[in-house]
Amino acid sequence: MHDYIVRAVARSGKVRAYAARTTELVEELRRRHGTWPVVTAALGRAATVGAMMGAMLKGDQRLTVQVMGDGPVGTIVVDADAAGRVRGFADRPNVDLPLNDQGKLDVAGAVGKGALYVVKDLGFGEPYRGSVPLVSGELGEDFAYYFAVSEQLPSSVGVGVLVDTHGRVKQAGGFMIQSFPGLSEEETADLEGALTSIPSVTALLDRGVTPEELLAHVVPDVRVLDRVPVAFRCRCSRQRIERILVALGKEERESLCQEQGGAEVRCQFCGKVYRFSCEALRALDEGRSV
């Protein structure tokens, strides 16, 4: 089964629901960045929610999520778009912490206290920016709090990453349930009861449950609208890096030539290294690429 997101509605359109399998995506992030288990879990949770938030967008719209805590993992950054293309990184990939009181990876301890920021480029000029304090550091609750406060959408977010004994990603995924005005008290109580009793996301995924079946555990009358494939994709390119180097200015580029014999730029998101000789750097002064 490849990674994908399900977009769905329930309760006659009064509930909007998303569910995702992101195992391959999170494993690719782990492989590229060499993350240790607790960082794999933190980055994977953020990437999974980011992917589902991207599925709320349209066309060329995209968003950036930043989890800026004071824990040892530092800042987590995730980019996602409406087409299911996701990339991300954590400041410090090699963090090791004891298991928490529940015997699970201590994501909250790795993230720490701080804030969650969301920037949406909707193509209408100035990007939309929202932020909330981190309420738990477990990230699922933090994103739910973001939706409730910043977007006035009562939401429940469940997300998880399961790693094997070798640190590889065995399962990853999540769900988001959002309710709109018009939901009756009885419907609300049913929904809250289902959310309280649902097993962990990774436990369900490890049993072979699909994203569609995951949603059906919470809202039995769910109606799937469509499915969006999800995969790691980076938007970096040599042309983008050239624009960054041009912005440095001629004097700074010449300094790179004198001190380092050129420039080497590594993309934080995918790890690709772009190398520029002095000839290539000086060609930028003439508007040429080498």
Protein backbone atom coordinates (compact mmCIF):
# COMPACT_ATOMS: atom_id res chain seq x y z
CA MET A 1 0.00 0.00 0.00
CA HIS A 2 1.43 3.37 -1.04
CA ASP A 3 0.96 6.58 0.93
CA TYR A 4 -2.17 8.62 0.35
CA ILE A 5 -4.66 10.98 1.99
CA VAL A 6 -8.42 10.49 2.07
CA ARG A 7 -10.64 13.57 1.98
CA ALA A 8 -14.14 12.89 3.26
CA VAL A 9 -17.29 14.30 4.84
CA ALA A 10 -19.81 12.90 7.31
CA ARG A 11 -22.95 13.86 9.21
CA SER A 12 -24.53 15.42 6.09
CA GLY A 13 -21.50 17.64 5.51
CA LYS A 14 -21.31 18.94 9.07
CA VAL A 15 -18.07 17.01 9.65
CA ARG A 16 -14.98 17.24 7.47
CA ALA A 17 -12.50 14.40 7.79
CA TYR A 18 -9.02 13.52 6.58
CA ALA A 19 -6.93 10.42 7.12
CA ALA A 20 -3.49 9.56 5.84
CA ARG A 21 -0.97 6.77 5.53
CA THR A 22 2.50 8.38 5.44
CA THR A 23 4.80 5.43 6.15
CA GLU A 24 6.91 5.80 3.01
CA LEU A 25 7.12 9.57 3.36
CA VAL A 26 8.33 9.45 6.96
CA GLU A 27 10.81 6.66 6.19
CA GLU A 28 12.20 8.79 3.34
CA LEU A 29 12.62 11.71 5.74
CA ARG A 30 14.35 9.41 8.21
CA ARG A 31 16.67 8.05 5.55
CA ARG A 32 17.60 11.45 4.11
CA HIS A 33 18.25 13.14 7.45
CA GLY A 34 19.49 10.16 9.46
CA THR A 35 17.03 10.90 12.27
CA TRP A 36 17.09 8.89 15.48
CA PRO A 37 13.78 7.36 16.64
CA VAL A 38 12.37 10.17 18.79
CA VAL A 39 13.18 12.75 16.08
CA THR A 40 11.73 10.43 13.43
CA ALA A 41 8.51 10.37 15.43
CA ALA A 42 8.41 14.15 15.95
CA LEU A 43 9.26 15.03 12.35
CA GLY A 44 6.95 12.28 11.07
CA ARG A 45 4.00 13.54 13.09
CA ALA A 46 4.53 17.11 11.86
CA ALA A 47 4.93 15.92 8.26
CA THR A 48 1.76 13.81 8.47
CA VAL A 49 -0.37 16.68 9.75
CA GLY A 50 1.30 19.04 7.27
CA ALA A 51 0.38 16.68 4.44
CA MET A 52 -3.27 16.60 5.55
CA MET A 53 -3.32 20.38 5.89
CA GLY A 54 -1.91 20.58 2.38
CA ALA A 55 -4.85 18.48 1.21
CA MET A 56 -7.11 21.34 2.33
CA LEU A 57 -5.51 23.63 -0.24
CA LYS A 58 -6.18 24.05 -3.95
CA GLY A 59 -4.13 24.41 -7.12
CA ASP A 60 -0.66 25.84 -6.51
CA GLN A 61 -1.34 26.80 -2.90
CA ARG A 62 1.12 25.55 -0.30
CA LEU A 63 1.95 25.92 3.35
CA THR A 64 4.85 25.82 5.77
CA VAL A 65 4.59 24.48 9.32
CA GLN A 66 7.18 25.38 11.94
CA VAL A 67 7.33 23.71 15.34
CA MET A 68 9.65 25.91 17.36
CA GLY A 69 10.23 24.38 20.77
CA ASP A 70 12.99 24.70 23.34
CA GLY A 71 13.59 20.94 23.44
CA PRO A 72 16.72 19.22 22.13
CA VAL A 73 15.28 18.62 18.64
CA GLY A 74 15.17 22.36 17.96
CA THR A 75 12.93 23.60 15.15
CA ILE A 76 10.94 21.29 12.88
CA VAL A 77 9.96 22.63 9.46
CA VAL A 78 7.52 21.01 7.01
CA ASP A 79 6.42 22.21 3.57
CA ALA A 80 3.35 20.73 1.85
CA ASP A 81 1.07 21.52 -1.07
CA ALA A 82 -2.32 20.55 -2.46
CA ALA A 83 -0.79 17.85 -4.68
CA GLY A 84 0.54 15.82 -1.74
CA ARG A 85 4.17 16.87 -2.14
CA VAL A 86 5.85 17.11 1.24
CA ARG A 87 9.34 17.86 2.53
CA GLY A 88 10.72 18.59 5.98
CA PHE A 89 13.64 18.58 8.39
CA ALA A 90 14.51 18.91 12.06
CA ASP A 91 17.34 21.11 13.31
CA ARG A 92 18.98 18.31 15.29
CA PRO A 93 18.27 14.84 13.88
CA ASN A 94 20.39 12.88 16.37
CA VAL A 95 18.58 13.23 19.69
CA ASP A 96 18.15 10.35 22.11
CA LEU A 97 15.84 10.43 25.13
CA PRO A 98 14.55 7.79 27.55
CA LEU A 99 11.04 6.49 26.88
CA ASN A 100 8.25 8.44 28.57
CA ASP A 101 6.04 7.22 31.42
CA GLN A 102 3.87 5.27 28.97
CA GLY A 103 6.89 3.45 27.56
CA LYS A 104 6.71 5.40 24.29
CA LEU A 105 9.04 7.71 22.44
CA ASP A 106 9.17 11.00 24.33
CA VAL A 107 8.15 13.37 21.53
CA ALA A 108 6.97 16.01 24.01
CA GLY A 109 10.36 15.94 25.73
CA ALA A 110 12.16 16.26 22.41
CA VAL A 111 10.01 19.18 21.24
CA GLY A 112 9.70 21.04 24.54
CA LYS A 113 7.77 24.27 25.06
CA GLY A 114 7.38 26.93 22.43
CA ALA A 115 5.06 27.74 19.55
CA LEU A 116 3.50 26.31 16.41
CA TYR A 117 3.51 28.52 13.32
CA VAL A 118 1.61 28.00 10.05
CA VAL A 119 2.21 30.09 6.93
CA LYS A 120 -0.16 29.57 3.99
CA ASP A 121 0.65 30.88 0.53
CA LEU A 122 -2.83 31.05 -1.01
CA GLY A 123 -1.77 33.03 -4.06
CA PHE A 124 -3.58 36.19 -2.98
CA GLY A 125 -0.61 38.38 -2.12
CA GLU A 126 0.54 38.43 1.50
CA PRO A 127 0.61 34.89 2.98
CA TYR A 128 -1.72 34.00 5.83
CA ARG A 129 0.14 33.54 9.11
CA GLY A 130 -1.14 31.89 12.27
CA SER A 131 0.50 30.79 15.49
CA VAL A 132 -0.36 29.26 18.85
CA PRO A 133 1.65 28.16 21.89
CA LEU A 134 2.53 24.47 22.06
CA VAL A 135 0.10 22.97 24.57
CA SER A 136 1.68 19.53 24.93
CA GLY A 137 4.55 19.02 22.48
CA GLU A 138 2.95 15.74 21.38
CA LEU A 139 1.90 17.64 18.23
CA GLY A 140 -1.52 16.06 17.67
CA GLU A 141 -3.01 18.14 20.49
CA ASP A 142 -0.98 21.14 19.40
CA PHE A 143 -2.39 21.09 15.87
CA ALA A 144 -5.92 20.60 17.24
CA TYR A 145 -5.38 23.68 19.40
CA TYR A 146 -4.12 25.61 16.37
CA PHE A 147 -7.29 24.83 14.41
CA ALA A 148 -9.53 25.75 17.33
CA VAL A 149 -7.80 29.05 18.10
CA SER A 150 -6.36 30.28 14.82
CA GLU A 151 -8.99 29.00 12.39
CA GLN A 152 -12.00 28.65 14.75
CA LEU A 153 -12.52 25.04 13.69
CA PRO A 154 -13.21 22.53 16.50
CA SER A 155 -10.88 19.68 15.56
CA SER A 156 -9.49 16.39 16.73
CA VAL A 157 -6.09 15.33 15.44
CA GLY A 158 -4.61 11.88 15.90
CA VAL A 159 -1.18 11.13 14.53
CA GLY A 160 1.51 8.53 15.14
CA VAL A 161 4.80 7.03 13.98
CA LEU A 162 5.90 3.50 14.82
CA VAL A 163 9.57 2.59 14.43
CA ASP A 164 11.05 -0.89 14.49
CA THR A 165 14.02 -2.12 16.53
CA HIS A 166 16.40 -0.85 13.83
CA GLY A 167 14.92 2.64 13.91
CA ARG A 168 13.16 2.28 10.56
CA VAL A 169 9.60 3.49 10.11
CA LYS A 170 7.15 0.62 10.36
CA GLN A 171 3.93 2.63 10.29
CA ALA A 172 3.01 6.31 10.11
CA GLY A 173 -0.25 8.13 9.58
CA GLY A 174 -3.03 10.09 11.17
CA PHE A 175 -6.47 11.63 10.96
CA MET A 176 -8.17 15.00 11.39
CA ILE A 177 -11.85 15.41 12.21
CA GLN A 178 -13.35 18.91 12.03
CA SER A 179 -16.92 19.87 12.91
CA PHE A 180 -18.98 22.75 11.57
CA PRO A 181 -21.98 24.61 13.01
CA GLY A 182 -25.20 22.62 12.90
CA LEU A 183 -23.90 19.47 14.56
CA SER A 184 -26.44 18.42 17.19
CA GLU A 185 -25.54 17.73 20.81
CA GLU A 186 -26.23 14.04 20.26
CA GLU A 187 -24.01 13.95 17.17
CA THR A 188 -21.29 15.81 19.03
CA ALA A 189 -21.47 13.36 21.94
CA ASP A 190 -21.29 10.38 19.56
CA LEU A 191 -18.27 11.87 17.84
CA GLU A 192 -16.49 12.63 21.11
CA GLY A 193 -17.21 9.12 22.39
CA ALA A 194 -15.79 7.54 19.25
CA LEU A 195 -12.66 9.69 19.46
CA THR A 196 -12.16 8.75 23.10
CA SER A 197 -12.40 5.02 22.45
CA ILE A 198 -10.42 4.77 19.22
CA PRO A 199 -7.15 2.78 19.50
CA SER A 200 -3.88 4.51 18.65
CA VAL A 201 -3.33 5.37 15.00
CA THR A 202 -0.22 3.22 14.70
CA ALA A 203 -1.96 0.25 16.34
CA LEU A 204 -4.69 0.43 13.72
CA LEU A 205 -2.27 0.89 10.83
CA ASP A 206 -0.18 -2.00 12.08
CA ARG A 207 -3.29 -4.18 11.86
CA GLY A 208 -3.63 -3.29 8.20
CA VAL A 209 -6.37 -0.69 8.62
CA THR A 210 -6.63 1.67 5.63
CA PRO A 211 -7.16 5.45 5.94
CA GLU A 212 -10.78 4.91 4.88
CA GLU A 213 -11.29 2.33 7.62
CA LEU A 214 -9.52 4.58 10.09
CA LEU A 215 -12.13 7.29 9.50
CA ALA A 216 -14.96 4.77 9.74
CA HIS A 217 -13.84 3.98 13.30
CA VAL A 218 -14.77 7.55 14.24
CA VAL A 219 -17.61 8.45 11.85
CA PRO A 220 -19.37 5.34 10.46
CA ASP A 221 -21.34 7.40 7.90
CA VAL A 222 -18.17 8.83 6.36
CA ARG A 223 -18.33 9.52 2.61
CA VAL A 224 -15.00 9.59 0.78
CA LEU A 225 -14.68 12.48 -1.67
CA ASP A 226 -11.28 11.68 -3.14
CA ARG A 227 -7.80 10.37 -2.49
CA VAL A 228 -4.52 12.26 -2.87
CA PRO A 229 -1.20 10.44 -3.26
CA VAL A 230 1.49 11.61 -0.82
CA ALA A 231 5.24 11.56 -1.44
CA PHE A 232 8.46 13.34 -0.54
CA ARG A 233 9.30 16.05 -3.06
CA CYS A 234 11.80 18.87 -2.75
CA ARG A 235 11.46 22.14 -4.64
CA CYS A 236 15.14 23.02 -4.53
CA SER A 237 17.03 23.57 -7.80
CA ARG A 238 20.28 25.06 -8.99
CA GLN A 239 18.36 28.09 -10.28
CA ARG A 240 16.89 28.73 -6.81
CA ILE A 241 20.33 28.50 -5.22
CA GLU A 242 21.71 30.88 -7.84
CA ARG A 243 19.09 33.45 -6.84
CA ILE A 244 20.18 33.10 -3.21
CA LEU A 245 23.82 33.63 -4.17
CA VAL A 246 22.92 36.66 -6.28
CA ALA A 247 21.14 38.13 -3.26
CA LEU A 248 24.37 37.81 -1.24
CA GLY A 249 26.01 40.48 -3.40
CA LYS A 250 29.13 40.56 -5.52
CA GLU A 251 31.48 41.31 -2.63
CA GLU A 252 30.31 38.31 -0.59
CA ARG A 253 30.56 36.00 -3.61
CA GLU A 254 34.11 37.16 -4.27
CA SER A 255 34.93 36.54 -0.63
CA LEU A 256 33.72 32.94 -1.04
CA CYS A 257 36.09 32.56 -3.97
CA GLN A 258 39.05 33.94 -2.09
CA GLU A 259 38.43 32.02 1.14
CA GLN A 260 36.91 28.74 -0.08
CA GLY A 261 37.65 28.57 -3.79
CA GLY A 262 33.91 28.63 -4.55
CA ALA A 263 30.65 27.86 -2.79
CA GLU A 264 28.91 24.74 -1.57
CA VAL A 265 25.25 24.97 -0.60
CA ARG A 266 23.32 22.08 0.95
CA CYS A 267 19.52 21.99 0.85
CA GLN A 268 18.20 21.48 4.38
CA PHE A 269 15.11 19.70 3.11
CA CYS A 270 16.60 17.00 0.87
CA GLY A 271 20.33 17.07 1.56
CA LYS A 272 21.33 17.73 -2.05
CA VAL A 273 24.59 19.65 -2.37
CA TYR A 274 25.05 22.34 -5.02
CA ARG A 275 28.64 23.31 -5.84
CA PHE A 276 29.71 26.53 -7.55
CA SER A 277 33.22 27.17 -8.82
CA CYS A 278 34.65 30.69 -8.80
CA GLU A 279 33.94 30.82 -12.51
CA ALA A 280 30.28 29.99 -11.83
CA LEU A 281 30.04 32.59 -9.05
CA ARG A 282 31.56 35.32 -11.22
CA ALA A 283 29.28 34.39 -14.09
CA LEU A 284 26.34 35.35 -11.88
CA ASP A 285 27.55 38.96 -12.09
CA GLU A 286 26.83 38.79 -15.83
CA GLY A 287 23.49 37.06 -15.39
CA ARG A 288 24.84 33.75 -16.69
CA SER A 289 24.72 30.19 -15.33
CA VAL A 290 27.75 27.91 -15.49
